[in-house]
Amino acid sequence: MFYWFLKFLALGPLLKLIFRPWAEGTENVPKEGAVILASNHLSYSDWLFMPLVIPRRVTFVAKAEYFEGSGIKGWLQKTFFSGAGQVPIDRTSGSAAAGAIKTQLRLLKDGEVCGIYPEGTRSHDGKLYRGRTGVARLALEAGVPVIPLAVIGTDVVAPPGKIFGKFARPGVRFGKPLDFSRYEGMQDDRYILRAITDEIMYEIMRLSGQEYVDLYAQDSKKRDRDAEREAAKVVARAEADEVWDEIKPE
């Protein structure tokens, strides 16, 4: 109930009035029945704007810690995340990835719409990174179609590391449903899972126009951090050499 209050009466109308989000291909999202929405991930605001442009409820999985706080703050946090269409990861499965799939399978069994970010984390530079195969496993185990989609411009509204950037019109572009029923029963074949994931990521790339990098986003972030540290060391050594040249005895 709180989800619909936020979407249609409180937060949703305000976001639509201020940012005027646009959408293409919404007819590709079925009016009923289970489906997976696989999206690129540019900003924390993606999960706010994408569900706004379609009438159905979109549910994402989130860290269980968001729902376990105590006191008034914990209650407010739990209420907000639940109302915003997020559910806690089932932690009985031993790992976050397995728990996320278990939770999403339950939702899909109930005929719901599940949102997922195959990259696993936000892009730090606007590029599209290699997808993780959880989305493929989920599609095969649930036996439901995957709709690739692209959020566009949300990283202008809320860039990585910032709460707000500048006013812009974010958009969402939905692709046609992808049917992977031809791979039924092959969810334990890692080559099949990789092929399905790559097909989904290709469609997202086509919809978003992003440059694709065949590297996991987390690995790319680590590589960039390591490069920055090395560059800082080089600069520090150069500055130290300059100082020594100035003070060394003749």
Protein backbone atom coordinates (compact mmCIF):
# COMPACT_ATOMS: atom_id res chain seq x y z
CA MET A 1 0.00 0.00 0.00
CA PHE A 2 2.79 2.43 0.94
CA TYR A 3 4.49 1.68 -2.41
CA TRP A 4 1.46 2.92 -4.35
CA PHE A 5 1.15 5.93 -2.05
CA LEU A 6 4.75 6.92 -2.82
CA LYS A 7 4.45 6.17 -6.54
CA PHE A 8 1.13 7.85 -7.33
CA LEU A 9 0.49 10.38 -4.55
CA ALA A 10 3.67 11.48 -2.81
CA LEU A 11 7.13 11.02 -4.34
CA GLY A 12 6.16 9.99 -7.88
CA PRO A 13 4.14 13.07 -8.88
CA LEU A 14 6.84 15.34 -7.42
CA LEU A 15 9.63 13.66 -9.41
CA LYS A 16 7.52 13.77 -12.58
CA LEU A 17 6.76 17.45 -12.09
CA ILE A 18 10.37 18.45 -11.46
CA PHE A 19 12.29 16.17 -13.84
CA ARG A 20 9.66 15.19 -16.47
CA PRO A 21 11.14 11.73 -17.20
CA TRP A 22 10.49 10.29 -20.65
CA ALA A 23 10.03 6.69 -21.72
CA GLU A 24 10.11 4.60 -24.89
CA GLY A 25 8.97 1.03 -25.44
CA THR A 26 6.74 0.77 -22.37
CA GLU A 27 4.41 -1.41 -24.44
CA ASN A 28 7.07 -4.14 -24.18
CA VAL A 29 6.36 -4.54 -20.46
CA PRO A 30 3.45 -6.99 -20.04
CA LYS A 31 0.44 -5.80 -18.07
CA GLU A 32 0.52 -8.94 -15.95
CA GLY A 33 2.70 -11.96 -15.29
CA ALA A 34 6.23 -12.47 -14.04
CA VAL A 35 9.07 -10.76 -15.89
CA ILE A 36 12.65 -9.63 -15.24
CA LEU A 37 13.69 -6.06 -16.05
CA ALA A 38 17.46 -6.00 -16.66
CA SER A 39 18.93 -2.50 -16.59
CA ASN A 40 22.19 -0.65 -16.83
CA HIS A 41 23.12 1.14 -13.61
CA LEU A 42 24.29 4.75 -13.74
CA SER A 43 23.03 6.28 -10.49
CA TYR A 44 21.35 5.54 -7.18
CA SER A 45 18.33 7.34 -8.68
CA ASP A 46 17.81 4.60 -11.31
CA TRP A 47 15.45 2.69 -9.03
CA LEU A 48 13.41 5.86 -8.51
CA PHE A 49 12.91 6.91 -12.12
CA MET A 50 12.57 3.57 -13.90
CA PRO A 51 9.47 2.32 -11.99
CA LEU A 52 7.83 5.73 -12.43
CA VAL A 53 7.26 5.28 -16.15
CA ILE A 54 5.33 2.00 -16.02
CA PRO A 55 2.15 1.24 -14.07
CA ARG A 56 3.30 -2.04 -12.52
CA ARG A 57 5.20 -2.44 -9.27
CA VAL A 58 8.91 -3.17 -9.76
CA THR A 59 10.70 -4.93 -6.92
CA PHE A 60 14.45 -4.95 -6.29
CA VAL A 61 16.39 -6.90 -3.69
CA ALA A 62 18.43 -4.95 -1.16
CA LYS A 63 20.80 -5.63 1.72
CA ALA A 64 19.02 -7.20 4.69
CA GLU A 65 20.68 -4.62 6.95
CA TYR A 66 18.38 -1.94 5.51
CA PHE A 67 15.45 -3.71 7.13
CA GLU A 68 16.96 -4.64 10.49
CA GLY A 69 17.57 -1.31 12.18
CA SER A 70 16.17 -0.62 15.62
CA GLY A 71 14.27 2.32 17.06
CA ILE A 72 12.53 5.05 15.12
CA LYS A 73 15.36 5.40 12.59
CA GLY A 74 15.29 1.68 11.84
CA TRP A 75 11.52 1.69 11.46
CA LEU A 76 11.62 4.69 9.11
CA GLN A 77 14.38 3.10 7.01
CA LYS A 78 12.54 -0.22 6.78
CA THR A 79 9.28 1.53 5.90
CA PHE A 80 10.90 3.63 3.18
CA PHE A 81 12.79 0.79 1.49
CA SER A 82 9.77 -1.51 1.64
CA GLY A 83 7.56 1.25 0.28
CA ALA A 84 10.04 2.02 -2.47
CA GLY A 85 9.73 -1.52 -3.86
CA GLN A 86 12.71 -3.20 -2.22
CA VAL A 87 12.82 -6.46 -0.29
CA PRO A 88 15.61 -7.92 1.87
CA ILE A 89 17.90 -10.62 0.52
CA ASP A 90 17.18 -14.06 1.92
CA ARG A 91 20.34 -14.83 3.91
CA THR A 92 19.56 -18.50 4.59
CA SER A 93 21.23 -19.47 1.31
CA GLY A 94 24.77 -18.88 2.53
CA SER A 95 25.77 -16.08 0.16
CA ALA A 96 24.37 -12.76 -0.96
CA ALA A 97 24.17 -13.89 -4.60
CA ALA A 98 22.31 -17.10 -3.79
CA GLY A 99 20.07 -15.23 -1.36
CA ALA A 100 19.20 -12.63 -3.98
CA ILE A 101 18.23 -15.32 -6.50
CA LYS A 102 16.15 -17.18 -3.91
CA THR A 103 14.27 -13.99 -3.02
CA GLN A 104 13.68 -13.07 -6.65
CA LEU A 105 12.50 -16.57 -7.53
CA ARG A 106 9.85 -16.29 -4.83
CA LEU A 107 8.71 -12.93 -6.22
CA LEU A 108 8.59 -14.22 -9.79
CA LYS A 109 6.63 -17.27 -8.69
CA ASP A 110 4.03 -14.82 -7.40
CA GLY A 111 3.85 -13.17 -10.82
CA GLU A 112 5.75 -10.00 -9.92
CA VAL A 113 8.16 -7.78 -11.85
CA CYS A 114 11.75 -8.04 -10.64
CA GLY A 115 14.32 -5.37 -11.41
CA ILE A 116 17.97 -6.37 -11.63
CA TYR A 117 21.27 -4.66 -12.47
CA PRO A 118 23.45 -7.31 -14.16
CA GLU A 119 26.59 -5.18 -13.74
CA GLY A 120 26.25 -5.65 -9.98
CA THR A 121 27.19 -2.07 -9.13
CA ARG A 122 26.89 1.46 -10.50
CA SER A 123 29.12 2.48 -13.39
CA HIS A 124 31.72 4.95 -12.15
CA ASP A 125 32.44 6.45 -15.57
CA GLY A 126 29.24 6.07 -17.60
CA LYS A 127 30.43 3.00 -19.50
CA LEU A 128 28.58 -0.32 -19.61
CA TYR A 129 30.44 -3.18 -17.97
CA ARG A 130 30.35 -6.95 -18.20
CA GLY A 131 27.22 -8.51 -16.73
CA ARG A 132 27.24 -11.11 -13.99
CA THR A 133 25.46 -14.35 -14.81
CA GLY A 134 22.92 -14.23 -11.97
CA VAL A 135 20.37 -12.67 -14.32
CA ALA A 136 20.71 -15.64 -16.69
CA ARG A 137 20.35 -18.20 -13.91
CA LEU A 138 17.31 -16.38 -12.59
CA ALA A 139 15.66 -16.31 -16.02
CA LEU A 140 16.21 -20.05 -16.58
CA GLU A 141 15.18 -21.18 -13.10
CA ALA A 142 12.05 -19.01 -13.11
CA GLY A 143 11.23 -19.67 -16.78
CA VAL A 144 10.32 -16.03 -17.44
CA PRO A 145 11.29 -13.51 -20.15
CA VAL A 146 13.89 -10.80 -19.67
CA ILE A 147 13.22 -7.26 -20.82
CA PRO A 148 16.44 -5.31 -21.38
CA LEU A 149 16.22 -1.61 -20.66
CA ALA A 150 18.41 1.45 -20.49
CA VAL A 151 18.18 4.34 -18.08
CA ILE A 152 19.57 7.51 -19.64
CA GLY A 153 20.64 10.73 -17.96
CA THR A 154 20.20 9.64 -14.35
CA ASP A 155 23.94 10.11 -13.83
CA VAL A 156 23.44 13.79 -14.69
CA VAL A 157 20.69 14.17 -12.11
CA ALA A 158 22.63 12.23 -9.46
CA PRO A 159 26.26 11.55 -10.45
CA PRO A 160 28.28 8.87 -8.65
CA GLY A 161 29.35 10.13 -5.25
CA LYS A 162 26.85 13.00 -5.18
CA ILE A 163 23.31 13.32 -3.89
CA PHE A 164 22.37 15.73 -6.67
CA GLY A 165 24.04 16.98 -9.82
CA LYS A 166 21.87 19.20 -11.98
CA PHE A 167 18.41 19.28 -13.47
CA ALA A 168 17.94 17.10 -16.55
CA ARG A 169 15.25 14.94 -18.14
CA PRO A 170 16.17 11.33 -17.42
CA GLY A 171 14.70 8.66 -19.64
CA VAL A 172 14.03 4.94 -19.81
CA ARG A 173 14.12 2.90 -23.02
CA PHE A 174 12.60 -0.61 -22.89
CA GLY A 175 13.60 -3.28 -25.37
CA LYS A 176 11.61 -6.25 -26.59
CA PRO A 177 11.30 -9.30 -24.30
CA LEU A 178 14.05 -11.90 -24.63
CA ASP A 179 12.91 -15.53 -24.48
CA PHE A 180 15.49 -18.06 -23.28
CA SER A 181 13.17 -21.08 -23.03
CA ARG A 182 15.38 -22.85 -25.60
CA TYR A 183 17.92 -23.26 -22.77
CA GLU A 184 15.46 -24.80 -20.32
CA GLY A 185 17.17 -27.07 -17.77
CA MET A 186 20.66 -25.72 -18.58
CA GLN A 187 20.99 -23.29 -15.67
CA ASP A 188 24.09 -25.13 -14.37
CA ASP A 189 26.01 -24.75 -17.64
CA ARG A 190 28.32 -21.77 -17.13
CA TYR A 191 28.85 -21.33 -20.88
CA ILE A 192 25.10 -21.06 -21.45
CA LEU A 193 24.78 -18.61 -18.56
CA ARG A 194 27.57 -16.46 -20.01
CA ALA A 195 26.03 -16.54 -23.51
CA ILE A 196 22.62 -15.48 -22.17
CA THR A 197 24.12 -12.71 -20.04
CA ASP A 198 26.16 -11.39 -22.96
CA GLU A 199 23.04 -11.32 -25.15
CA ILE A 200 21.22 -9.29 -22.49
CA MET A 201 24.14 -6.89 -22.10
CA TYR A 202 24.35 -6.42 -25.88
CA GLU A 203 20.70 -5.36 -25.96
CA ILE A 204 21.25 -2.96 -23.05
CA MET A 205 24.25 -1.49 -24.89
CA ARG A 206 22.18 -1.06 -28.03
CA LEU A 207 19.41 0.69 -26.10
CA SER A 208 21.68 2.93 -24.04
CA GLY A 209 24.35 3.81 -26.61
CA GLN A 210 27.02 3.28 -23.93
CA GLU A 211 30.55 2.17 -24.65
CA TYR A 212 30.90 -1.47 -23.60
CA VAL A 213 33.85 -2.71 -21.56
CA ASP A 214 34.34 -6.48 -21.28
CA LEU A 215 35.41 -6.21 -17.66
CA TYR A 216 33.48 -6.34 -14.41
CA ALA A 217 32.74 -2.87 -13.06
CA GLN A 218 34.26 -3.65 -9.67
CA ASP A 219 37.50 -4.82 -11.31
CA SER A 220 37.59 -1.66 -13.41
CA LYS A 221 37.15 0.51 -10.32
CA LYS A 222 40.01 -1.31 -8.59
CA ARG A 223 42.22 -0.93 -11.66
CA ASP A 224 41.51 2.81 -11.81
CA ARG A 225 42.23 3.22 -8.08
CA ASP A 226 45.52 1.35 -8.44
CA ALA A 227 46.47 3.53 -11.42
CA GLU A 228 45.67 6.69 -9.44
CA ARG A 229 47.82 5.52 -6.54
CA GLU A 230 50.73 4.75 -8.87
CA ALA A 231 50.37 8.13 -10.55
CA ALA A 232 50.38 9.83 -7.14
CA LYS A 233 53.58 7.99 -6.24
CA VAL A 234 55.25 9.10 -9.47
CA VAL A 235 54.25 12.72 -8.82
CA ALA A 236 55.47 12.52 -5.23
CA ARG A 237 58.84 11.10 -6.33
CA ALA A 238 59.19 13.80 -8.98
CA GLU A 239 58.42 16.54 -6.45
CA ALA A 240 60.89 15.04 -3.99
CA ASP A 241 63.59 14.98 -6.70
CA GLU A 242 62.90 18.66 -7.48
CA VAL A 243 63.23 19.61 -3.83
CA TRP A 244 66.49 17.66 -3.54
CA ASP A 245 67.88 19.38 -6.63
CA GLU A 246 67.19 22.73 -4.98
CA ILE A 247 68.74 21.97 -1.60
CA LYS A 248 71.57 19.53 -2.41
CA PRO A 249 75.05 20.93 -1.80
CA GLU A 250 77.09 21.94 -4.84
